[in-house]
Amino acid sequence: MENELKKLSAYEKELLLKAPVLLSILASSTDHKVDRKEKKEAIELSHLRTFTSPPMLQDFYKEVELGFKTNLEELLLKYEPFDEAKQGLIKLEIKNIYTILQKLDHDFANDLKMSLESYGKHVANVHVKFTDFFDFNNFTTFN
């Protein structure tokens, strides 16, 4: 991973390391706010990825975790109030991240792309409960 990031400028490396934060904010701000539970889940996931991601990405996520909380707070302030204009700016940053990925080794970039996409989906589903997957209207009552 270290060799991969050496291929990047300081700005590109910094933006890539902020990718999980940006995806977390975008995924959790669809209702124009980011609540405490969404922040907590994003922070916990940044830690989990240090040992649950593919081995090729674990060092990357260890570096992400070091600045995750600080970057989260900084970017939350930058992009509030999470209206369409601010979400558009976040999407532009994410588009830039995908451009940066093209500069990296194909396998590393592909693994990271899939990992980042699952990261965003995980944070987006923080309020989904297990019971949300069931249609209780189809159950009959027993007398």
N, C-alpha and C. Protein backbone atom coordinates (compact mmCIF):
# COMPACT_ATOMS: atom_id res chain seq x y z
N MET A 1 0.83 -1.19 0.00
CA MET A 1 0.00 0.00 0.00
C MET A 1 0.87 1.25 0.00
N GLU A 2 1.92 1.24 0.77
CA GLU A 2 2.78 2.40 0.86
C GLU A 2 3.32 2.78 -0.51
N ASN A 3 3.72 1.77 -1.29
CA ASN A 3 4.22 2.04 -2.63
C ASN A 3 3.15 2.65 -3.52
N GLU A 4 1.92 2.22 -3.33
CA GLU A 4 0.82 2.75 -4.13
C GLU A 4 0.60 4.23 -3.83
N LEU A 5 0.59 4.58 -2.57
CA LEU A 5 0.34 5.97 -2.21
C LEU A 5 1.50 6.89 -2.58
N LYS A 6 2.70 6.34 -2.75
CA LYS A 6 3.85 7.14 -3.17
C LYS A 6 3.69 7.63 -4.61
N LYS A 7 2.81 6.99 -5.35
CA LYS A 7 2.57 7.39 -6.74
C LYS A 7 1.74 8.67 -6.81
N LEU A 8 1.19 9.09 -5.68
CA LEU A 8 0.24 10.20 -5.66
C LEU A 8 0.88 11.48 -5.13
N SER A 9 0.29 12.60 -5.51
CA SER A 9 0.69 13.88 -4.92
C SER A 9 0.18 13.92 -3.49
N ALA A 10 0.66 14.89 -2.73
CA ALA A 10 0.21 15.03 -1.33
C ALA A 10 -1.30 15.26 -1.29
N TYR A 11 -1.82 16.09 -2.20
CA TYR A 11 -3.26 16.36 -2.25
C TYR A 11 -4.04 15.09 -2.56
N GLU A 12 -3.58 14.32 -3.55
CA GLU A 12 -4.28 13.10 -3.94
C GLU A 12 -4.29 12.07 -2.81
N LYS A 13 -3.16 11.95 -2.13
CA LYS A 13 -3.09 11.02 -1.00
C LYS A 13 -4.05 11.44 0.11
N GLU A 14 -4.06 12.73 0.42
CA GLU A 14 -4.94 13.23 1.47
C GLU A 14 -6.41 13.00 1.10
N LEU A 15 -6.77 13.25 -0.14
CA LEU A 15 -8.14 13.06 -0.57
C LEU A 15 -8.52 11.58 -0.53
N LEU A 16 -7.62 10.72 -0.95
CA LEU A 16 -7.89 9.28 -0.92
C LEU A 16 -8.09 8.79 0.51
N LEU A 17 -7.30 9.30 1.44
CA LEU A 17 -7.44 8.91 2.84
C LEU A 17 -8.73 9.46 3.46
N LYS A 18 -9.29 10.50 2.87
CA LYS A 18 -10.56 11.05 3.35
C LYS A 18 -11.76 10.38 2.69
N ALA A 19 -11.52 9.50 1.73
CA ALA A 19 -12.62 8.88 0.99
C ALA A 19 -13.66 8.22 1.89
N PRO A 20 -13.26 7.41 2.88
CA PRO A 20 -14.30 6.80 3.75
C PRO A 20 -15.13 7.85 4.50
N VAL A 21 -14.51 8.95 4.87
CA VAL A 21 -15.24 10.02 5.56
C VAL A 21 -16.24 10.65 4.60
N LEU A 22 -15.80 10.98 3.41
CA LEU A 22 -16.68 11.60 2.42
C LEU A 22 -17.86 10.69 2.07
N LEU A 23 -17.58 9.41 1.88
CA LEU A 23 -18.65 8.46 1.58
C LEU A 23 -19.60 8.32 2.76
N SER A 24 -19.07 8.34 3.96
CA SER A 24 -19.91 8.26 5.15
C SER A 24 -20.85 9.45 5.23
N ILE A 25 -20.31 10.63 4.99
CA ILE A 25 -21.13 11.85 5.06
C ILE A 25 -22.19 11.83 3.97
N LEU A 26 -21.80 11.49 2.75
CA LEU A 26 -22.76 11.46 1.66
C LEU A 26 -23.87 10.45 1.93
N ALA A 27 -23.49 9.25 2.38
CA ALA A 27 -24.47 8.19 2.62
C ALA A 27 -25.41 8.51 3.77
N SER A 28 -24.90 9.18 4.78
CA SER A 28 -25.74 9.42 5.96
C SER A 28 -26.47 10.76 5.92
N SER A 29 -26.17 11.61 4.95
CA SER A 29 -26.80 12.94 4.93
C SER A 29 -27.94 13.05 3.93
N THR A 30 -28.47 11.95 3.47
CA THR A 30 -29.57 12.01 2.50
C THR A 30 -30.80 12.68 3.10
N ASP A 31 -30.91 12.65 4.42
CA ASP A 31 -32.01 13.34 5.10
C ASP A 31 -31.59 14.73 5.57
N HIS A 32 -30.48 15.24 5.02
CA HIS A 32 -29.94 16.59 5.27
C HIS A 32 -29.39 16.77 6.68
N LYS A 33 -29.05 15.66 7.33
CA LYS A 33 -28.39 15.74 8.63
C LYS A 33 -27.57 14.48 8.82
N VAL A 34 -26.61 14.55 9.72
CA VAL A 34 -25.82 13.38 10.11
C VAL A 34 -25.97 13.29 11.62
N ASP A 35 -26.61 12.22 12.07
CA ASP A 35 -26.86 12.11 13.50
C ASP A 35 -25.74 11.36 14.22
N ARG A 36 -25.84 11.35 15.53
CA ARG A 36 -24.82 10.75 16.39
C ARG A 36 -24.61 9.28 16.06
N LYS A 37 -25.68 8.54 15.81
CA LYS A 37 -25.59 7.11 15.51
C LYS A 37 -24.82 6.88 14.20
N GLU A 38 -25.07 7.72 13.21
CA GLU A 38 -24.37 7.59 11.93
C GLU A 38 -22.88 7.90 12.09
N LYS A 39 -22.56 8.92 12.87
CA LYS A 39 -21.15 9.24 13.14
C LYS A 39 -20.46 8.09 13.83
N LYS A 40 -21.12 7.56 14.86
CA LYS A 40 -20.55 6.46 15.64
C LYS A 40 -20.29 5.25 14.75
N GLU A 41 -21.25 4.92 13.91
CA GLU A 41 -21.10 3.77 13.02
C GLU A 41 -19.95 3.97 12.04
N ALA A 42 -19.82 5.16 11.49
CA ALA A 42 -18.73 5.45 10.55
C ALA A 42 -17.37 5.31 11.24
N ILE A 43 -17.26 5.82 12.46
CA ILE A 43 -16.01 5.72 13.21
C ILE A 43 -15.68 4.27 13.53
N GLU A 44 -16.67 3.52 13.97
CA GLU A 44 -16.45 2.10 14.29
C GLU A 44 -16.04 1.33 13.05
N LEU A 45 -16.67 1.63 11.94
CA LEU A 45 -16.34 0.92 10.71
C LEU A 45 -14.92 1.23 10.26
N SER A 46 -14.47 2.46 10.49
CA SER A 46 -13.08 2.80 10.12
C SER A 46 -12.10 1.94 10.91
N HIS A 47 -12.44 1.63 12.14
CA HIS A 47 -11.59 0.74 12.93
C HIS A 47 -11.70 -0.71 12.46
N LEU A 48 -12.92 -1.16 12.24
CA LEU A 48 -13.11 -2.55 11.80
C LEU A 48 -12.38 -2.85 10.49
N ARG A 49 -12.35 -1.90 9.60
CA ARG A 49 -11.72 -2.13 8.30
C ARG A 49 -10.21 -2.33 8.42
N THR A 50 -9.63 -1.95 9.55
CA THR A 50 -8.18 -2.16 9.71
C THR A 50 -7.83 -3.64 9.78
N PHE A 51 -8.80 -4.47 10.11
CA PHE A 51 -8.52 -5.92 10.16
C PHE A 51 -9.53 -6.78 9.41
N THR A 52 -10.62 -6.19 8.92
CA THR A 52 -11.60 -7.00 8.18
C THR A 52 -11.52 -6.78 6.67
N SER A 53 -10.80 -5.78 6.25
CA SER A 53 -10.68 -5.53 4.80
C SER A 53 -9.68 -6.53 4.21
N PRO A 54 -9.64 -6.65 2.90
CA PRO A 54 -8.64 -7.54 2.29
C PRO A 54 -7.25 -7.14 2.76
N PRO A 55 -6.37 -8.10 2.94
CA PRO A 55 -5.01 -7.79 3.45
C PRO A 55 -4.32 -6.66 2.70
N MET A 56 -4.56 -6.55 1.41
CA MET A 56 -3.94 -5.51 0.61
C MET A 56 -4.35 -4.11 1.06
N LEU A 57 -5.51 -4.01 1.71
CA LEU A 57 -6.04 -2.69 2.10
C LEU A 57 -5.89 -2.37 3.58
N GLN A 58 -5.43 -3.31 4.37
CA GLN A 58 -5.41 -3.10 5.82
C GLN A 58 -4.51 -1.95 6.23
N ASP A 59 -3.36 -1.81 5.61
CA ASP A 59 -2.49 -0.68 5.94
C ASP A 59 -3.14 0.65 5.55
N PHE A 60 -3.84 0.66 4.43
CA PHE A 60 -4.57 1.85 4.02
C PHE A 60 -5.57 2.25 5.09
N TYR A 61 -6.37 1.29 5.55
CA TYR A 61 -7.39 1.61 6.57
C TYR A 61 -6.77 1.94 7.92
N LYS A 62 -5.59 1.43 8.22
CA LYS A 62 -4.91 1.84 9.45
C LYS A 62 -4.55 3.31 9.38
N GLU A 63 -4.11 3.75 8.20
CA GLU A 63 -3.78 5.16 8.04
C GLU A 63 -5.05 6.02 8.05
N VAL A 64 -6.12 5.52 7.44
CA VAL A 64 -7.41 6.23 7.45
C VAL A 64 -7.88 6.43 8.89
N GLU A 65 -7.79 5.35 9.68
CA GLU A 65 -8.29 5.40 11.05
C GLU A 65 -7.58 6.47 11.89
N LEU A 66 -6.29 6.69 11.64
CA LEU A 66 -5.54 7.67 12.42
C LEU A 66 -6.16 9.06 12.38
N GLY A 67 -6.68 9.45 11.23
CA GLY A 67 -7.24 10.80 11.12
C GLY A 67 -8.75 10.83 10.93
N PHE A 68 -9.40 9.68 11.09
CA PHE A 68 -10.81 9.60 10.74
C PHE A 68 -11.68 10.57 11.54
N LYS A 69 -11.58 10.55 12.86
CA LYS A 69 -12.44 11.41 13.68
C LYS A 69 -12.22 12.89 13.38
N THR A 70 -10.97 13.28 13.26
CA THR A 70 -10.65 14.67 12.96
C THR A 70 -11.19 15.07 11.59
N ASN A 71 -10.96 14.21 10.60
CA ASN A 71 -11.46 14.49 9.25
C ASN A 71 -12.98 14.52 9.22
N LEU A 72 -13.61 13.64 9.98
CA LEU A 72 -15.06 13.61 10.02
C LEU A 72 -15.60 14.93 10.55
N GLU A 73 -15.09 15.37 11.67
CA GLU A 73 -15.57 16.63 12.26
C GLU A 73 -15.30 17.82 11.33
N GLU A 74 -14.11 17.83 10.74
CA GLU A 74 -13.74 18.92 9.82
C GLU A 74 -14.66 18.95 8.60
N LEU A 75 -14.91 17.80 8.02
CA LEU A 75 -15.73 17.75 6.80
C LEU A 75 -17.22 17.92 7.10
N LEU A 76 -17.66 17.52 8.28
CA LEU A 76 -19.05 17.79 8.66
C LEU A 76 -19.29 19.29 8.71
N LEU A 77 -18.36 20.02 9.29
CA LEU A 77 -18.48 21.48 9.35
C LEU A 77 -18.42 22.10 7.96
N LYS A 78 -17.55 21.57 7.12
CA LYS A 78 -17.37 22.10 5.76
C LYS A 78 -18.64 21.92 4.92
N TYR A 79 -19.31 20.78 5.07
CA TYR A 79 -20.41 20.46 4.16
C TYR A 79 -21.80 20.67 4.75
N GLU A 80 -21.89 21.08 6.02
CA GLU A 80 -23.22 21.40 6.55
C GLU A 80 -23.77 22.58 5.77
N PRO A 81 -25.01 22.64 5.47
CA PRO A 81 -26.18 21.97 6.01
C PRO A 81 -26.61 20.73 5.23
N PHE A 82 -25.77 20.17 4.41
CA PHE A 82 -26.06 18.93 3.67
C PHE A 82 -27.23 19.08 2.70
N ASP A 83 -27.35 20.26 2.13
CA ASP A 83 -28.36 20.47 1.10
C ASP A 83 -27.83 19.91 -0.23
N GLU A 84 -28.61 20.06 -1.27
CA GLU A 84 -28.23 19.50 -2.57
C GLU A 84 -26.92 20.08 -3.09
N ALA A 85 -26.70 21.36 -2.87
CA ALA A 85 -25.46 21.99 -3.34
C ALA A 85 -24.25 21.39 -2.64
N LYS A 86 -24.34 21.23 -1.33
CA LYS A 86 -23.21 20.67 -0.57
C LYS A 86 -23.01 19.19 -0.92
N GLN A 87 -24.11 18.45 -1.10
CA GLN A 87 -23.98 17.06 -1.50
C GLN A 87 -23.35 16.95 -2.89
N GLY A 88 -23.64 17.92 -3.74
CA GLY A 88 -23.01 17.96 -5.06
C GLY A 88 -21.51 18.15 -4.95
N LEU A 89 -21.07 18.96 -4.01
CA LEU A 89 -19.63 19.17 -3.78
C LEU A 89 -18.97 17.88 -3.28
N ILE A 90 -19.66 17.17 -2.40
CA ILE A 90 -19.13 15.89 -1.91
C ILE A 90 -19.01 14.91 -3.07
N LYS A 91 -20.03 14.86 -3.91
CA LYS A 91 -20.00 13.95 -5.07
C LYS A 91 -18.85 14.29 -6.00
N LEU A 92 -18.55 15.57 -6.15
CA LEU A 92 -17.42 15.99 -6.98
C LEU A 92 -16.11 15.49 -6.39
N GLU A 93 -15.97 15.60 -5.08
CA GLU A 93 -14.76 15.08 -4.40
C GLU A 93 -14.65 13.56 -4.62
N ILE A 94 -15.76 12.87 -4.52
CA ILE A 94 -15.75 11.42 -4.71
C ILE A 94 -15.40 11.07 -6.15
N LYS A 95 -15.89 11.86 -7.09
CA LYS A 95 -15.52 11.66 -8.50
C LYS A 95 -14.01 11.81 -8.67
N ASN A 96 -13.44 12.79 -7.99
CA ASN A 96 -11.98 12.98 -8.04
C ASN A 96 -11.25 11.78 -7.46
N ILE A 97 -11.82 11.17 -6.44
CA ILE A 97 -11.21 9.98 -5.84
C ILE A 97 -11.16 8.85 -6.86
N TYR A 98 -12.23 8.67 -7.61
CA TYR A 98 -12.24 7.61 -8.63
C TYR A 98 -11.22 7.89 -9.72
N THR A 99 -10.96 9.15 -10.02
CA THR A 99 -9.91 9.50 -10.98
C THR A 99 -8.54 9.14 -10.40
N ILE A 100 -8.35 9.40 -9.13
CA ILE A 100 -7.09 9.07 -8.46
C ILE A 100 -6.85 7.56 -8.48
N LEU A 101 -7.90 6.79 -8.27
CA LEU A 101 -7.75 5.33 -8.25
C LEU A 101 -7.16 4.80 -9.56
N GLN A 102 -7.40 5.49 -10.65
CA GLN A 102 -6.88 5.05 -11.95
C GLN A 102 -5.35 5.12 -12.02
N LYS A 103 -4.74 5.87 -11.12
CA LYS A 103 -3.28 6.00 -11.09
C LYS A 103 -2.61 4.86 -10.34
N LEU A 104 -3.41 4.05 -9.66
CA LEU A 104 -2.88 3.01 -8.78
C LEU A 104 -2.91 1.64 -9.46
N ASP A 105 -2.20 0.71 -8.87
CA ASP A 105 -2.22 -0.67 -9.33
C ASP A 105 -3.66 -1.14 -9.49
N HIS A 106 -3.94 -1.84 -10.58
CA HIS A 106 -5.31 -2.25 -10.89
C HIS A 106 -5.95 -3.05 -9.75
N ASP A 107 -5.25 -4.04 -9.21
CA ASP A 107 -5.82 -4.88 -8.15
C ASP A 107 -6.09 -4.08 -6.88
N PHE A 108 -5.13 -3.25 -6.51
CA PHE A 108 -5.30 -2.42 -5.33
C PHE A 108 -6.48 -1.46 -5.53
N ALA A 109 -6.52 -0.80 -6.67
CA ALA A 109 -7.59 0.15 -6.96
C ALA A 109 -8.95 -0.52 -6.99
N ASN A 110 -9.03 -1.69 -7.59
CA ASN A 110 -10.30 -2.41 -7.67
C ASN A 110 -10.78 -2.83 -6.28
N ASP A 111 -9.87 -3.39 -5.47
CA ASP A 111 -10.24 -3.77 -4.11
C ASP A 111 -10.68 -2.56 -3.30
N LEU A 112 -9.98 -1.46 -3.45
CA LEU A 112 -10.32 -0.25 -2.70
C LEU A 112 -11.67 0.30 -3.16
N LYS A 113 -11.92 0.30 -4.45
CA LYS A 113 -13.20 0.78 -4.98
C LYS A 113 -14.35 -0.03 -4.40
N MET A 114 -14.23 -1.35 -4.43
CA MET A 114 -15.30 -2.20 -3.88
C MET A 114 -15.46 -1.98 -2.38
N SER A 115 -14.35 -1.82 -1.68
CA SER A 115 -14.39 -1.61 -0.25
C SER A 115 -15.04 -0.27 0.10
N LEU A 116 -14.71 0.76 -0.63
CA LEU A 116 -15.30 2.08 -0.37
C LEU A 116 -16.80 2.07 -0.66
N GLU A 117 -17.20 1.40 -1.71
CA GLU A 117 -18.63 1.33 -2.03
C GLU A 117 -19.39 0.59 -0.93
N SER A 118 -18.82 -0.49 -0.42
CA SER A 118 -19.50 -1.21 0.66
C SER A 118 -19.49 -0.39 1.95
N TYR A 119 -18.46 0.42 2.14
CA TYR A 119 -18.37 1.30 3.30
C TYR A 119 -19.57 2.26 3.32
N GLY A 120 -19.79 2.91 2.18
CA GLY A 120 -20.91 3.84 2.07
C GLY A 120 -22.25 3.16 2.29
N LYS A 121 -22.42 1.98 1.73
CA LYS A 121 -23.68 1.24 1.89
C LYS A 121 -23.90 0.86 3.34
N HIS A 122 -22.84 0.46 4.02
CA HIS A 122 -22.95 0.07 5.42
C HIS A 122 -23.41 1.26 6.27
N VAL A 123 -22.79 2.40 6.08
CA VAL A 123 -23.16 3.58 6.86
C VAL A 123 -24.59 4.02 6.51
N ALA A 124 -24.96 3.91 5.25
CA ALA A 124 -26.31 4.31 4.82
C ALA A 124 -27.38 3.46 5.48
N ASN A 125 -27.05 2.24 5.82
CA ASN A 125 -28.04 1.32 6.39
C ASN A 125 -28.03 1.29 7.91
N VAL A 126 -27.41 2.25 8.55
CA VAL A 126 -27.28 2.23 10.00
C VAL A 126 -28.63 2.24 10.71
N HIS A 127 -29.64 2.84 10.11
CA HIS A 127 -30.95 2.91 10.75
C HIS A 127 -31.89 1.78 10.33
N VAL A 128 -31.41 0.89 9.48
CA VAL A 128 -32.24 -0.24 9.05
C VAL A 128 -32.20 -1.30 10.14
N LYS A 129 -33.37 -1.71 10.56
CA LYS A 129 -33.47 -2.75 11.58
C LYS A 129 -33.72 -4.10 10.91
N PHE A 130 -33.35 -5.16 11.57
CA PHE A 130 -33.56 -6.51 11.05
C PHE A 130 -35.02 -6.73 10.67
N THR A 131 -35.92 -6.21 11.47
CA THR A 131 -37.35 -6.42 11.22
C THR A 131 -37.85 -5.66 10.00
N ASP A 132 -37.07 -4.70 9.50
CA ASP A 132 -37.47 -3.95 8.30
C ASP A 132 -37.54 -4.84 7.06
N PHE A 133 -36.92 -6.02 7.13
CA PHE A 133 -36.91 -6.92 5.99
C PHE A 133 -38.14 -7.82 5.93
N PHE A 134 -39.03 -7.70 6.88
CA PHE A 134 -40.21 -8.56 6.94
C PHE A 134 -41.47 -7.75 6.70
N ASP A 135 -42.40 -8.37 6.04
CA ASP A 135 -43.71 -7.77 5.83
C ASP A 135 -44.66 -8.47 6.80
N PHE A 136 -44.90 -7.84 7.93
CA PHE A 136 -45.72 -8.46 8.96
C PHE A 136 -47.20 -8.51 8.58
N ASN A 137 -47.59 -7.81 7.55
CA ASN A 137 -48.97 -7.85 7.10
C ASN A 137 -49.35 -9.23 6.54
N ASN A 138 -48.37 -10.00 6.16
CA ASN A 138 -48.64 -11.32 5.58
C ASN A 138 -48.77 -12.41 6.64
N PHE A 139 -48.50 -12.06 7.89
CA PHE A 139 -48.61 -13.04 8.96
C PHE A 139 -50.06 -13.06 9.46
N THR A 140 -50.55 -14.23 9.75
CA THR A 140 -51.90 -14.33 10.30
C THR A 140 -51.78 -14.52 11.80
N THR A 141 -52.78 -14.10 12.49
CA THR A 141 -52.80 -14.29 13.94
C THR A 141 -53.44 -15.63 14.27
N PHE A 142 -52.98 -16.21 15.32
CA PHE A 142 -53.50 -17.50 15.75
C PHE A 142 -54.43 -17.29 16.94
N ASN A 143 -55.61 -17.86 16.87
CA ASN A 143 -56.59 -17.72 17.97
C ASN A 143 -56.76 -19.03 18.67
